[in-house]
Amino acid sequence: MSYQYLVGATIDYQEGLQGSQFVVQNPNASSTCGCGSSF
C-alpha cells in the first residue's frame, strides 16, 4: 500500500537543529506540511 506513494522517493537520514531523523524526499508529493512529515 505504501509502495505506490513512495516510488521514486529517497529515504534519507538528516541531523539538524530540529534533531536527527529519517526523512522521505518524495518527488510525487504535490505539497507537504511545514514539518515535512505529511504530504
ModelCIF file with pLDDT and N, C-alpha, C, O atoms, coordinates in Angstrom:
data_MODEL
#
_entry.id   MODEL 
#
_entity.id                         1 
_entity.type                       polymer 
_entity.pdbx_number_of_molecules   1 
#
_entity_poly.entity_id                      1 
_entity_poly.type                           'polypeptide(L)' 
_entity_poly.nstd_linkage                   no 
_entity_poly.nstd_monomer                   no 
_entity_poly.pdbx_seq_one_letter_code       MSYQYLVGATIDYQEGLQGSQFVVQNPNASSTCGCGSSF 
_entity_poly.pdbx_seq_one_letter_code_can   MSYQYLVGATIDYQEGLQGSQFVVQNPNASSTCGCGSSF 
_entity_poly.pdbx_strand_id                 A 
#
loop_
_entity_poly_seq.entity_id 
_entity_poly_seq.num 
_entity_poly_seq.mon_id 
_entity_poly_seq.hetero 
1 1  MET n 
1 2  SER n 
1 3  TYR n 
1 4  GLN n 
1 5  TYR n 
1 6  LEU n 
1 7  VAL n 
1 8  GLY n 
1 9  ALA n 
1 10 THR n 
1 11 ILE n 
1 12 ASP n 
1 13 TYR n 
1 14 GLN n 
1 15 GLU n 
1 16 GLY n 
1 17 LEU n 
1 18 GLN n 
1 19 GLY n 
1 20 SER n 
1 21 GLN n 
1 22 PHE n 
1 23 VAL n 
1 24 VAL n 
1 25 GLN n 
1 26 ASN n 
1 27 PRO n 
1 28 ASN n 
1 29 ALA n 
1 30 SER n 
1 31 SER n 
1 32 THR n 
1 33 CYS n 
1 34 GLY n 
1 35 CYS n 
1 36 GLY n 
1 37 SER n 
1 38 SER n 
1 39 PHE n 
#
_struct_asym.id          A 
_struct_asym.entity_id   1 
#
loop_
_ma_qa_metric.id 
_ma_qa_metric.mode 
_ma_qa_metric.name 
_ma_qa_metric.software_group_id 
_ma_qa_metric.type 
1 global pLDDT . pLDDT 
2 local  pLDDT . pLDDT 
#
_ma_qa_metric_global.metric_id      1 
_ma_qa_metric_global.metric_value   78.92 
_ma_qa_metric_global.model_id       1 
_ma_qa_metric_global.ordinal_id     1 
#
loop_
_ma_qa_metric_local.label_asym_id 
_ma_qa_metric_local.label_comp_id 
_ma_qa_metric_local.label_seq_id 
_ma_qa_metric_local.metric_id 
_ma_qa_metric_local.metric_value 
_ma_qa_metric_local.model_id 
_ma_qa_metric_local.ordinal_id 
A MET 1  2 92.00 1 1  
A SER 2  2 93.00 1 2  
A TYR 3  2 92.00 1 3  
A GLN 4  2 89.00 1 4  
A TYR 5  2 88.00 1 5  
A LEU 6  2 92.00 1 6  
A VAL 7  2 90.00 1 7  
A GLY 8  2 91.00 1 8  
A ALA 9  2 93.00 1 9  
A THR 10 2 94.00 1 10 
A ILE 11 2 95.00 1 11 
A ASP 12 2 94.00 1 12 
A TYR 13 2 94.00 1 13 
A GLN 14 2 92.00 1 14 
A GLU 15 2 90.00 1 15 
A GLY 16 2 83.00 1 16 
A LEU 17 2 82.00 1 17 
A GLN 18 2 76.00 1 18 
A GLY 19 2 83.00 1 19 
A SER 20 2 89.00 1 20 
A GLN 21 2 90.00 1 21 
A PHE 22 2 92.00 1 22 
A VAL 23 2 90.00 1 23 
A VAL 24 2 90.00 1 24 
A GLN 25 2 89.00 1 25 
A ASN 26 2 85.00 1 26 
A PRO 27 2 83.00 1 27 
A ASN 28 2 76.00 1 28 
A ALA 29 2 70.00 1 29 
A SER 30 2 64.00 1 30 
A SER 31 2 56.00 1 31 
A THR 32 2 56.00 1 32 
A CYS 33 2 52.00 1 33 
A GLY 34 2 51.00 1 34 
A CYS 35 2 49.00 1 35 
A GLY 36 2 51.00 1 36 
A SER 37 2 51.00 1 37 
A SER 38 2 46.00 1 38 
A PHE 39 2 45.00 1 39 
#
loop_
_atom_site.group_PDB 
_atom_site.id 
_atom_site.type_symbol 
_atom_site.label_atom_id 
_atom_site.label_alt_id 
_atom_site.label_comp_id 
_atom_site.label_asym_id 
_atom_site.label_entity_id 
_atom_site.label_seq_id 
_atom_site.pdbx_PDB_ins_code 
_atom_site.Cartn_x 
_atom_site.Cartn_y 
_atom_site.Cartn_z 
_atom_site.occupancy 
_atom_site.B_iso_or_equiv 
_atom_site.pdbx_formal_charge 
_atom_site.auth_seq_id 
_atom_site.auth_comp_id 
_atom_site.auth_asym_id 
_atom_site.auth_atom_id 
_atom_site.pdbx_PDB_model_num 
ATOM 1   N N  . MET A 1 1  ? 0.838  -1.202 0.000  1.00 92.00 ? 1  MET A N  1 
ATOM 2   C CA . MET A 1 1  ? 0.000  0.000  0.000  1.00 92.00 ? 1  MET A CA 1 
ATOM 3   C C  . MET A 1 1  ? 0.878  1.260  0.000  1.00 92.00 ? 1  MET A C  1 
ATOM 4   O O  . MET A 1 1  ? 0.596  2.214  -0.726 1.00 92.00 ? 1  MET A O  1 
ATOM 5   N N  . SER A 1 2  ? 1.914  1.260  0.795  1.00 93.00 ? 2  SER A N  1 
ATOM 6   C CA . SER A 1 2  ? 2.797  2.426  0.895  1.00 93.00 ? 2  SER A CA 1 
ATOM 7   C C  . SER A 1 2  ? 3.658  2.590  -0.347 1.00 93.00 ? 2  SER A C  1 
ATOM 8   O O  . SER A 1 2  ? 3.993  3.711  -0.731 1.00 93.00 ? 2  SER A O  1 
ATOM 9   N N  . TYR A 1 3  ? 4.014  1.485  -0.972 1.00 92.00 ? 3  TYR A N  1 
ATOM 10  C CA . TYR A 1 3  ? 4.908  1.499  -2.126 1.00 92.00 ? 3  TYR A CA 1 
ATOM 11  C C  . TYR A 1 3  ? 4.425  2.450  -3.218 1.00 92.00 ? 3  TYR A C  1 
ATOM 12  O O  . TYR A 1 3  ? 5.219  3.199  -3.787 1.00 92.00 ? 3  TYR A O  1 
ATOM 13  N N  . GLN A 1 4  ? 3.126  2.421  -3.510 1.00 89.00 ? 4  GLN A N  1 
ATOM 14  C CA . GLN A 1 4  ? 2.588  3.258  -4.594 1.00 89.00 ? 4  GLN A CA 1 
ATOM 15  C C  . GLN A 1 4  ? 2.817  4.749  -4.349 1.00 89.00 ? 4  GLN A C  1 
ATOM 16  O O  . GLN A 1 4  ? 2.904  5.521  -5.303 1.00 89.00 ? 4  GLN A O  1 
ATOM 17  N N  . TYR A 1 5  ? 2.915  5.160  -3.099 1.00 88.00 ? 5  TYR A N  1 
ATOM 18  C CA . TYR A 1 5  ? 3.134  6.571  -2.777 1.00 88.00 ? 5  TYR A CA 1 
ATOM 19  C C  . TYR A 1 5  ? 4.617  6.933  -2.705 1.00 88.00 ? 5  TYR A C  1 
ATOM 20  O O  . TYR A 1 5  ? 4.972  8.111  -2.660 1.00 88.00 ? 5  TYR A O  1 
ATOM 21  N N  . LEU A 1 6  ? 5.479  5.918  -2.695 1.00 92.00 ? 6  LEU A N  1 
ATOM 22  C CA . LEU A 1 6  ? 6.897  6.159  -2.462 1.00 92.00 ? 6  LEU A CA 1 
ATOM 23  C C  . LEU A 1 6  ? 7.789  5.897  -3.663 1.00 92.00 ? 6  LEU A C  1 
ATOM 24  O O  . LEU A 1 6  ? 9.001  6.091  -3.574 1.00 92.00 ? 6  LEU A O  1 
ATOM 25  N N  . VAL A 1 7  ? 7.223  5.462  -4.788 1.00 90.00 ? 7  VAL A N  1 
ATOM 26  C CA . VAL A 1 7  ? 8.041  5.185  -5.973 1.00 90.00 ? 7  VAL A CA 1 
ATOM 27  C C  . VAL A 1 7  ? 8.814  6.444  -6.367 1.00 90.00 ? 7  VAL A C  1 
ATOM 28  O O  . VAL A 1 7  ? 8.226  7.511  -6.543 1.00 90.00 ? 7  VAL A O  1 
ATOM 29  N N  . GLY A 1 8  ? 10.111 6.313  -6.502 1.00 91.00 ? 8  GLY A N  1 
ATOM 30  C CA . GLY A 1 8  ? 10.960 7.436  -6.888 1.00 91.00 ? 8  GLY A CA 1 
ATOM 31  C C  . GLY A 1 8  ? 11.452 8.279  -5.730 1.00 91.00 ? 8  GLY A C  1 
ATOM 32  O O  . GLY A 1 8  ? 12.240 9.202  -5.935 1.00 91.00 ? 8  GLY A O  1 
ATOM 33  N N  . ALA A 1 9  ? 11.003 7.983  -4.507 1.00 93.00 ? 9  ALA A N  1 
ATOM 34  C CA . ALA A 1 9  ? 11.398 8.765  -3.339 1.00 93.00 ? 9  ALA A CA 1 
ATOM 35  C C  . ALA A 1 9  ? 12.771 8.344  -2.827 1.00 93.00 ? 9  ALA A C  1 
ATOM 36  O O  . ALA A 1 9  ? 13.256 7.253  -3.127 1.00 93.00 ? 9  ALA A O  1 
ATOM 37  N N  . THR A 1 10 ? 13.380 9.222  -2.059 1.00 94.00 ? 10 THR A N  1 
ATOM 38  C CA . THR A 1 10 ? 14.653 8.935  -1.401 1.00 94.00 ? 10 THR A CA 1 
ATOM 39  C C  . THR A 1 10 ? 14.428 8.886  0.097  1.00 94.00 ? 10 THR A C  1 
ATOM 40  O O  . THR A 1 10 ? 13.844 9.796  0.684  1.00 94.00 ? 10 THR A O  1 
ATOM 41  N N  . ILE A 1 11 ? 14.905 7.799  0.712  1.00 95.00 ? 11 ILE A N  1 
ATOM 42  C CA . ILE A 1 11 ? 14.873 7.677  2.162  1.00 95.00 ? 11 ILE A CA 1 
ATOM 43  C C  . ILE A 1 11 ? 16.229 8.161  2.651  1.00 95.00 ? 11 ILE A C  1 
ATOM 44  O O  . ILE A 1 11 ? 17.267 7.630  2.258  1.00 95.00 ? 11 ILE A O  1 
ATOM 45  N N  . ASP A 1 12 ? 16.209 9.177  3.517  1.00 94.00 ? 12 ASP A N  1 
ATOM 46  C CA . ASP A 1 12 ? 17.436 9.825  3.954  1.00 94.00 ? 12 ASP A CA 1 
ATOM 47  C C  . ASP A 1 12 ? 17.445 9.897  5.477  1.00 94.00 ? 12 ASP A C  1 
ATOM 48  O O  . ASP A 1 12 ? 16.422 9.684  6.128  1.00 94.00 ? 12 ASP A O  1 
ATOM 49  N N  . TYR A 1 13 ? 18.601 10.199 6.026  1.00 94.00 ? 13 TYR A N  1 
ATOM 50  C CA . TYR A 1 13 ? 18.744 10.444 7.459  1.00 94.00 ? 13 TYR A CA 1 
ATOM 51  C C  . TYR A 1 13 ? 19.411 11.790 7.610  1.00 94.00 ? 13 TYR A C  1 
ATOM 52  O O  . TYR A 1 13 ? 20.489 12.021 7.063  1.00 94.00 ? 13 TYR A O  1 
ATOM 53  N N  . GLN A 1 14 ? 18.772 12.682 8.353  1.00 92.00 ? 14 GLN A N  1 
ATOM 54  C CA . GLN A 1 14 ? 19.300 14.040 8.485  1.00 92.00 ? 14 GLN A CA 1 
ATOM 55  C C  . GLN A 1 14 ? 19.474 14.403 9.950  1.00 92.00 ? 14 GLN A C  1 
ATOM 56  O O  . GLN A 1 14 ? 18.681 14.018 10.809 1.00 92.00 ? 14 GLN A O  1 
ATOM 57  N N  . GLU A 1 15 ? 20.531 15.153 10.208 1.00 90.00 ? 15 GLU A N  1 
ATOM 58  C CA . GLU A 1 15 ? 20.782 15.694 11.533 1.00 90.00 ? 15 GLU A CA 1 
ATOM 59  C C  . GLU A 1 15 ? 20.769 17.209 11.408 1.00 90.00 ? 15 GLU A C  1 
ATOM 60  O O  . GLU A 1 15 ? 21.456 17.779 10.560 1.00 90.00 ? 15 GLU A O  1 
ATOM 61  N N  . GLY A 1 16 ? 19.983 17.854 12.261 1.00 83.00 ? 16 GLY A N  1 
ATOM 62  C CA . GLY A 1 16 ? 19.886 19.312 12.172 1.00 83.00 ? 16 GLY A CA 1 
ATOM 63  C C  . GLY A 1 16 ? 19.426 19.913 13.482 1.00 83.00 ? 16 GLY A C  1 
ATOM 64  O O  . GLY A 1 16 ? 19.433 19.251 14.519 1.00 83.00 ? 16 GLY A O  1 
ATOM 65  N N  . LEU A 1 17 ? 19.029 21.163 13.427 1.00 82.00 ? 17 LEU A N  1 
ATOM 66  C CA . LEU A 1 17 ? 18.608 21.883 14.628 1.00 82.00 ? 17 LEU A CA 1 
ATOM 67  C C  . LEU A 1 17 ? 17.368 21.271 15.278 1.00 82.00 ? 17 LEU A C  1 
ATOM 68  O O  . LEU A 1 17 ? 17.188 21.358 16.493 1.00 82.00 ? 17 LEU A O  1 
ATOM 69  N N  . GLN A 1 18 ? 16.517 20.653 14.461 1.00 76.00 ? 18 GLN A N  1 
ATOM 70  C CA . GLN A 1 18 ? 15.294 20.057 14.994 1.00 76.00 ? 18 GLN A CA 1 
ATOM 71  C C  . GLN A 1 18 ? 15.502 18.608 15.419 1.00 76.00 ? 18 GLN A C  1 
ATOM 72  O O  . GLN A 1 18 ? 14.536 17.914 15.736 1.00 76.00 ? 18 GLN A O  1 
ATOM 73  N N  . GLY A 1 19 ? 16.733 18.148 15.431 1.00 83.00 ? 19 GLY A N  1 
ATOM 74  C CA . GLY A 1 19 ? 17.028 16.784 15.846 1.00 83.00 ? 19 GLY A CA 1 
ATOM 75  C C  . GLY A 1 19 ? 17.448 15.929 14.679 1.00 83.00 ? 19 GLY A C  1 
ATOM 76  O O  . GLY A 1 19 ? 17.624 16.409 13.559 1.00 83.00 ? 19 GLY A O  1 
ATOM 77  N N  . SER A 1 20 ? 17.606 14.655 14.959 1.00 89.00 ? 20 SER A N  1 
ATOM 78  C CA . SER A 1 20 ? 18.025 13.690 13.953 1.00 89.00 ? 20 SER A CA 1 
ATOM 79  C C  . SER A 1 20 ? 16.853 12.792 13.621 1.00 89.00 ? 20 SER A C  1 
ATOM 80  O O  . SER A 1 20 ? 16.121 12.360 14.510 1.00 89.00 ? 20 SER A O  1 
ATOM 81  N N  . GLN A 1 21 ? 16.675 12.510 12.331 1.00 90.00 ? 21 GLN A N  1 
ATOM 82  C CA . GLN A 1 21 ? 15.533 11.688 11.944 1.00 90.00 ? 21 GLN A CA 1 
ATOM 83  C C  . GLN A 1 21 ? 15.681 11.149 10.529 1.00 90.00 ? 21 GLN A C  1 
ATOM 84  O O  . GLN A 1 21 ? 16.395 11.706 9.694  1.00 90.00 ? 21 GLN A O  1 
ATOM 85  N N  . PHE A 1 22 ? 14.980 10.045 10.290 1.00 92.00 ? 22 PHE A N  1 
ATOM 86  C CA . PHE A 1 22 ? 14.830 9.547  8.929  1.00 92.00 ? 22 PHE A CA 1 
ATOM 87  C C  . PHE A 1 22 ? 13.787 10.426 8.251  1.00 92.00 ? 22 PHE A C  1 
ATOM 88  O O  . PHE A 1 22 ? 12.797 10.805 8.877  1.00 92.00 ? 22 PHE A O  1 
ATOM 89  N N  . VAL A 1 23 ? 13.997 10.752 6.986  1.00 90.00 ? 23 VAL A N  1 
ATOM 90  C CA . VAL A 1 23 ? 13.068 11.585 6.234  1.00 90.00 ? 23 VAL A CA 1 
ATOM 91  C C  . VAL A 1 23 ? 12.857 10.994 4.840  1.00 90.00 ? 23 VAL A C  1 
ATOM 92  O O  . VAL A 1 23 ? 13.674 10.220 4.343  1.00 90.00 ? 23 VAL A O  1 
ATOM 93  N N  . VAL A 1 24 ? 11.746 11.378 4.229  1.00 90.00 ? 24 VAL A N  1 
ATOM 94  C CA . VAL A 1 24 ? 11.429 10.962 2.870  1.00 90.00 ? 24 VAL A CA 1 
ATOM 95  C C  . VAL A 1 24 ? 11.452 12.198 1.984  1.00 90.00 ? 24 VAL A C  1 
ATOM 96  O O  . VAL A 1 24 ? 10.773 13.186 2.264  1.00 90.00 ? 24 VAL A O  1 
ATOM 97  N N  . GLN A 1 25 ? 12.228 12.137 0.925  1.00 89.00 ? 25 GLN A N  1 
ATOM 98  C CA . GLN A 1 25 ? 12.211 13.191 -0.092 1.00 89.00 ? 25 GLN A CA 1 
ATOM 99  C C  . GLN A 1 25 ? 11.429 12.613 -1.258 1.00 89.00 ? 25 GLN A C  1 
ATOM 100 O O  . GLN A 1 25 ? 11.934 11.776 -2.006 1.00 89.00 ? 25 GLN A O  1 
ATOM 101 N N  . ASN A 1 26 ? 10.191 13.068 -1.406 1.00 85.00 ? 26 ASN A N  1 
ATOM 102 C CA . ASN A 1 26 ? 9.254  12.438 -2.331 1.00 85.00 ? 26 ASN A CA 1 
ATOM 103 C C  . ASN A 1 26 ? 8.894  13.381 -3.480 1.00 85.00 ? 26 ASN A C  1 
ATOM 104 O O  . ASN A 1 26 ? 8.208  14.380 -3.264 1.00 85.00 ? 26 ASN A O  1 
ATOM 105 N N  . PRO A 1 27 ? 9.349  13.073 -4.698 1.00 83.00 ? 27 PRO A N  1 
ATOM 106 C CA . PRO A 1 27 ? 9.030  13.926 -5.844 1.00 83.00 ? 27 PRO A CA 1 
ATOM 107 C C  . PRO A 1 27 ? 7.555  13.839 -6.255 1.00 83.00 ? 27 PRO A C  1 
ATOM 108 O O  . PRO A 1 27 ? 7.085  14.669 -7.033 1.00 83.00 ? 27 PRO A O  1 
ATOM 109 N N  . ASN A 1 28 ? 6.822  12.846 -5.744 1.00 76.00 ? 28 ASN A N  1 
ATOM 110 C CA . ASN A 1 28 ? 5.411  12.683 -6.080 1.00 76.00 ? 28 ASN A CA 1 
ATOM 111 C C  . ASN A 1 28 ? 4.488  13.542 -5.224 1.00 76.00 ? 28 ASN A C  1 
ATOM 112 O O  . ASN A 1 28 ? 3.319  13.723 -5.563 1.00 76.00 ? 28 ASN A O  1 
ATOM 113 N N  . ALA A 1 29 ? 4.999  14.068 -4.128 1.00 70.00 ? 29 ALA A N  1 
ATOM 114 C CA . ALA A 1 29 ? 4.168  14.866 -3.222 1.00 70.00 ? 29 ALA A CA 1 
ATOM 115 C C  . ALA A 1 29 ? 3.907  16.236 -3.853 1.00 70.00 ? 29 ALA A C  1 
ATOM 116 O O  . ALA A 1 29 ? 4.840  16.954 -4.214 1.00 70.00 ? 29 ALA A O  1 
ATOM 117 N N  . SER A 1 30 ? 2.633  16.582 -3.978 1.00 64.00 ? 30 SER A N  1 
ATOM 118 C CA . SER A 1 30 ? 2.302  17.880 -4.565 1.00 64.00 ? 30 SER A CA 1 
ATOM 119 C C  . SER A 1 30 ? 2.420  18.997 -3.540 1.00 64.00 ? 30 SER A C  1 
ATOM 120 O O  . SER A 1 30 ? 2.633  20.154 -3.903 1.00 64.00 ? 30 SER A O  1 
ATOM 121 N N  . SER A 1 31 ? 2.282  18.659 -2.261 1.00 56.00 ? 31 SER A N  1 
ATOM 122 C CA . SER A 1 31 ? 2.513  19.633 -1.198 1.00 56.00 ? 31 SER A CA 1 
ATOM 123 C C  . SER A 1 31 ? 2.883  18.881 0.063  1.00 56.00 ? 31 SER A C  1 
ATOM 124 O O  . SER A 1 31 ? 2.536  17.713 0.237  1.00 56.00 ? 31 SER A O  1 
ATOM 125 N N  . THR A 1 32 ? 3.601  19.576 0.948  1.00 56.00 ? 32 THR A N  1 
ATOM 126 C CA . THR A 1 32 ? 3.986  18.994 2.226  1.00 56.00 ? 32 THR A CA 1 
ATOM 127 C C  . THR A 1 32 ? 3.680  19.995 3.321  1.00 56.00 ? 32 THR A C  1 
ATOM 128 O O  . THR A 1 32 ? 3.466  21.179 3.058  1.00 56.00 ? 32 THR A O  1 
ATOM 129 N N  . CYS A 1 33 ? 3.662  19.508 4.548  1.00 52.00 ? 33 CYS A N  1 
ATOM 130 C CA . CYS A 1 33 ? 3.446  20.418 5.672  1.00 52.00 ? 33 CYS A CA 1 
ATOM 131 C C  . CYS A 1 33 ? 4.778  21.016 6.085  1.00 52.00 ? 33 CYS A C  1 
ATOM 132 O O  . CYS A 1 33 ? 5.820  20.620 5.563  1.00 52.00 ? 33 CYS A O  1 
ATOM 133 N N  . GLY A 1 34 ? 4.763  21.944 6.994  1.00 51.00 ? 34 GLY A N  1 
ATOM 134 C CA . GLY A 1 34 ? 5.972  22.614 7.426  1.00 51.00 ? 34 GLY A CA 1 
ATOM 135 C C  . GLY A 1 34 ? 6.984  21.691 8.084  1.00 51.00 ? 34 GLY A C  1 
ATOM 136 O O  . GLY A 1 34 ? 8.191  21.904 7.968  1.00 51.00 ? 34 GLY A O  1 
ATOM 137 N N  . CYS A 1 35 ? 6.494  20.658 8.778  1.00 49.00 ? 35 CYS A N  1 
ATOM 138 C CA . CYS A 1 35 ? 7.441  19.764 9.470  1.00 49.00 ? 35 CYS A CA 1 
ATOM 139 C C  . CYS A 1 35 ? 7.993  18.702 8.533  1.00 49.00 ? 35 CYS A C  1 
ATOM 140 O O  . CYS A 1 35 ? 8.970  18.035 8.873  1.00 49.00 ? 35 CYS A O  1 
ATOM 141 N N  . GLY A 1 36 ? 7.385  18.527 7.349  1.00 51.00 ? 36 GLY A N  1 
ATOM 142 C CA . GLY A 1 36 ? 7.901  17.584 6.376  1.00 51.00 ? 36 GLY A CA 1 
ATOM 143 C C  . GLY A 1 36 ? 7.470  16.149 6.605  1.00 51.00 ? 36 GLY A C  1 
ATOM 144 O O  . GLY A 1 36 ? 7.910  15.259 5.876  1.00 51.00 ? 36 GLY A O  1 
ATOM 145 N N  . SER A 1 37 ? 6.619  15.893 7.600  1.00 51.00 ? 37 SER A N  1 
ATOM 146 C CA . SER A 1 37 ? 6.237  14.513 7.868  1.00 51.00 ? 37 SER A CA 1 
ATOM 147 C C  . SER A 1 37 ? 4.890  14.140 7.237  1.00 51.00 ? 37 SER A C  1 
ATOM 148 O O  . SER A 1 37 ? 4.515  12.967 7.244  1.00 51.00 ? 37 SER A O  1 
ATOM 149 N N  . SER A 1 38 ? 4.172  15.103 6.703  1.00 46.00 ? 38 SER A N  1 
ATOM 150 C CA . SER A 1 38 ? 2.938  14.759 5.997  1.00 46.00 ? 38 SER A CA 1 
ATOM 151 C C  . SER A 1 38 ? 2.930  15.404 4.612  1.00 46.00 ? 38 SER A C  1 
ATOM 152 O O  . SER A 1 38 ? 3.642  16.375 4.355  1.00 46.00 ? 38 SER A O  1 
ATOM 153 N N  . PHE A 1 39 ? 2.103  14.835 3.721  1.00 45.00 ? 39 PHE A N  1 
ATOM 154 C CA . PHE A 1 39 ? 2.147  15.269 2.330  1.00 45.00 ? 39 PHE A CA 1 
ATOM 155 C C  . PHE A 1 39 ? 0.825  15.001 1.639  1.00 45.00 ? 39 PHE A C  1 
ATOM 156 O O  . PHE A 1 39 ? 0.675  15.303 0.455  1.00 45.00 ? 39 PHE A O  1 
#
